[in-house]
Every structure is written in structure tokens, then in C-alpha cells.
Amino acid sequence: MRVGVIGATGAVGRELVEVLGRRRFPVTKLRLFASGRSAGTIIPTPFGDTVIEEFSQEAARDLDLALLAVSGDFAKKHAPGLVAAGVTVVDNSSAFRLEDDVPLVVPEVNAAAIGDAKLIANPNCTTAILVVALAPLHAAFGIKRVIVSTYQAASGAGAEGMVELEREMRRVLVDGAKAQNEVFAHPLPFNVIPHIDSFQPNAYTREEMKVAWESRKIMGLPDLLISCTAVRIPTMRVHGESVTIETERPVTAEAARAVLRQAAGVKVLDDPAALLYPMPLTATGQDDVEAGRIRANPVFGDCGLDFFLCGDQLLKGAALNAVQIAERLPALRVPA
């Protein structure tokens, strides 16, 4: 396939290129698009040195597949035109996720939703990490409600967030100065910020509501009760999630571990005696979402479960999931 990565110089764009190479995606020609500031720069890729091009609709019309790592406004402006030109688009922004006619896909959960769609939405990073664990547990025990608190790394704000965290940590530790902030609502070093995205009329943030809206769509459970609190923490990458579920049928920690060990995209790390549990340090660079601290929740009696997840926001939360979607496109399916 002739593949284009649009937004190739950002954190997710760079990961997309690496994932395409690592998973040996069938690329006949790779084209990288960014703003005019980066145009003409030659960068090494798994497919050879590649020149970054300034994006235009005309320049990208001959692609088979476009992987978008751009803002929602950019996606809304350009994705429909690419689709009209015959390009299949996998969009990482929030622009189309809740559109009824656009599949929102985590392949381990709802790959069949892709069908013959030419525009497919990649979910919010926190949602993708969450549903790979929720879906198999729902299939086994039924889920009535979900309460999740997230611990989201600087990478969730893109390359700019990662740069700000590193710069301000140095400012504090090396220069002895006070941390400043531009990307985040408050200085992030040695701090946690219970505020990601804009506040909504119901006092939740948009990031928190995305988890509810998108999880319901992906899992096909429009009435699932979900409450989320999203918190930014001073780590570079990998999002953590503390999850409590109430199930329809009795659940035990042992039974839940057995289900998650068989779940695609999940790696169970759950041996507290050996100090083994999910952490950003161990989940960084890993394709699978780590699951651990699995235990009965006494609030919901026999139907309660607590667990902790860690997933690489730039991989399963973004680039990897997008490439996994592309791998399920009709053009690459093996005939029965």
C-alpha cells in the first residue's frame, strides 16, 4: 500500500512510522507530511531515508492509506476530501469518533466494525487502554458500572508536553528555579493536575467524558454507567488507570485473572509478593496493556472487582492501535 503519515513530526506521527516498520506493514511507498516548517527535511525510517513534504490535498490524493496524527480541526478540514479521492483514512483525532457512520475501533474488541469503511476513527488513548481489559471481563461476567481514575503521562499532551516536563524538571533540579507552564494548566514537575481538557457543564472534563462516550460506542453498550476522573502526572509516557467495576454475575480475582490472561492485547502482571504489578517503567515501549492489582472489591460484594492498568499512550493508546486498524482493512484481508 502507498501509505502517508500526516503529522509525521509529532510524537504520535513518529511512533506511527516506527510501528509500521516493526510490524512489517506492506508499504510499497511511504510518504511523510507535516507543516511547511519541516518540509524538505530528510529523516531515516525503517523504509529508508524519506523527505518530509508539506501537506496538501492534491499531494496526498494518490495514497492508498492515510494515517492522521493531527488536530481535530485539521482532520475535519481534510479527511473528507481524502476519502472522496479514494484514500482510506485512519484518524487519531477526536473529530469523527462519535459520528454514527464512522467506526470507532479497538481491533481486539470490535474489529468487525471496520467493514468496508473508508474513514475509521482511532479512540482516545485512555479509552483504548481501558477497553482491552473491560471487554473480555464484560463477556465473562457482564459489567453494570465502571469507575476509573486515570494517571496520564505528559505524552498525552503530545511532544510539546514531553518537552515541557523535561525542561521544567531541569529548571527545578538543576537551576533551582520555580517550574513554569505553557502546555499544562499548572506546572507539572512534582505535581499532579486533576484537569485534562476543558471542563463541561456537568463538571467533568471533556477527557473524562470521552472515556464514557467512546467506551460505550466501542463495546456496543450505550447505557453502560461510567465515571472517570482524569489526572495528569509527571511521567514521560504510559497512562495508568485505577478501575473499579460492578459486574452482573459473581466475579473473583482468580477468575478475572484467568480471563485477562487469555485476552488479546493484555499482559497480566499480578504478584504483589514479588512486587510485580503494572508500572509506567515496565509498560513503556510495550504493545500490550499491563493489568494487575486484581482483587475483590468489598463495596459491591460478590460482584465487585478492582484492578490497575498501564498502557503506552503513544503505542496502544495511539500509533499501534491505528496500525492494527490498518492491518484489518479489506485490501489486506486474507480471502477465506
Foldseek 3Di string as FASTA:
>chain_A
DAEEEAQLVWLLNVVLQALCLVVVPPHPHYAYEYAPVQAQDWDQTSVGIYGYHHDDLVVCLPGQEYEYPDELVVCVVRVVSSVVSNHQYEYAYPNCLLPPQEAEDQPLQCLVSPPQDSYHYYAALVQLLPLLLVQLVCVVFNFQEKEKEKAFELCSLIPVSLVLLVVQVCCCPPVVDHRADDSDPGGAVVDKAQDDADADPVRAHPVQVSNVSNNCRRNVNVPYHYGYTYMYHHDNWKMKMKMKTFTPHFDFLVRSVVSQVPGPQEDEFEDVVVPTFDDPVVQPPPRGKYKYPWGADPVNPRGMIIIMIIHTCSDSVGSVSSVVSVCSHPVNDDDD
